[in-house]
Amino acid sequence: MAATVAFTVKVLSSTPARIVAVVVALTALIATLPRLFESLQPDAPAKPPAVITDVRPSPTGDATGAS
């Protein structure tokens, strides 16, 4: 991309067009920075495993589990 910008600025003959080309190039660079920084962040920690409970009927056969 830098080579394209340098070539464009060199080829453009008027100063205002060069300024516009540089501003557009800087805007494109700045627009990509958040995605670049986001990709450099470490991955989020994995979620803790689900808790598995052992559900057994009460010894008395009562559905509420009360004795």
Protein backbone atom coordinates (compact mmCIF):
# COMPACT_ATOMS: atom_id res chain seq x y z
CA MET A 1 0.00 0.00 0.00
CA ALA A 2 2.84 2.38 0.80
CA ALA A 3 4.28 1.93 -2.69
CA THR A 4 0.90 2.71 -4.24
CA VAL A 5 0.57 5.89 -2.19
CA ALA A 6 4.12 6.98 -3.03
CA PHE A 7 3.55 6.35 -6.74
CA THR A 8 0.22 8.22 -6.68
CA VAL A 9 1.71 11.24 -4.92
CA LYS A 10 4.64 11.31 -7.37
CA VAL A 11 2.42 11.07 -10.46
CA LEU A 12 -0.10 13.71 -9.37
CA SER A 13 0.95 17.07 -10.75
CA SER A 14 -1.06 19.49 -8.62
CA THR A 15 -0.41 20.11 -4.95
CA PRO A 16 -4.09 19.90 -3.85
CA ALA A 17 -4.42 16.47 -5.47
CA ARG A 18 -1.28 15.30 -3.66
CA ILE A 19 -2.66 16.57 -0.36
CA VAL A 20 -5.93 14.70 -0.95
CA ALA A 21 -4.04 11.50 -1.81
CA VAL A 22 -2.00 11.74 1.39
CA VAL A 23 -5.08 12.46 3.51
CA VAL A 24 -6.93 9.48 2.00
CA ALA A 25 -3.93 7.23 2.59
CA LEU A 26 -3.64 8.34 6.22
CA THR A 27 -7.37 7.83 6.74
CA ALA A 28 -7.14 4.30 5.36
CA LEU A 29 -4.18 3.57 7.64
CA ILE A 30 -5.90 4.91 10.73
CA ALA A 31 -9.13 3.05 9.90
CA THR A 32 -7.30 -0.28 9.94
CA LEU A 33 -5.48 0.27 13.24
CA PRO A 34 -8.33 -0.85 15.57
CA ARG A 35 -8.58 -4.20 13.78
CA LEU A 36 -4.82 -4.57 13.95
CA PHE A 37 -4.72 -3.91 17.69
CA GLU A 38 -7.71 -6.21 18.24
CA SER A 39 -5.91 -9.06 16.51
CA LEU A 40 -2.88 -8.54 18.76
CA GLN A 41 -4.89 -8.96 21.98
CA PRO A 42 -4.63 -12.34 23.72
CA ASP A 43 -7.58 -14.66 23.34
CA ALA A 44 -10.28 -14.47 25.97
CA PRO A 45 -9.98 -17.14 28.66
CA ALA A 46 -12.11 -20.19 28.14
CA LYS A 47 -15.36 -20.42 30.03
CA PRO A 48 -15.20 -22.62 33.10
CA PRO A 49 -16.66 -26.07 32.55
CA ALA A 50 -20.30 -26.57 33.41
CA VAL A 51 -20.96 -27.96 36.86
CA ILE A 52 -22.52 -31.38 36.68
CA THR A 53 -24.56 -32.37 39.70
CA ASP A 54 -25.53 -35.89 40.53
CA VAL A 55 -29.29 -36.01 40.94
CA ARG A 56 -30.58 -39.13 42.61
CA PRO A 57 -33.97 -39.86 44.07
CA SER A 58 -34.23 -39.66 47.84
CA PRO A 59 -34.02 -42.96 49.75
CA THR A 60 -37.63 -42.53 50.95
CA GLY A 61 -39.01 -42.22 47.44
CA ASP A 62 -40.34 -38.72 48.17
CA ALA A 63 -40.04 -36.45 45.14
CA THR A 64 -39.20 -33.40 47.28
CA GLY A 65 -36.31 -35.07 49.02
CA ALA A 66 -37.67 -34.19 52.45
CA SER A 67 -37.60 -36.97 55.08
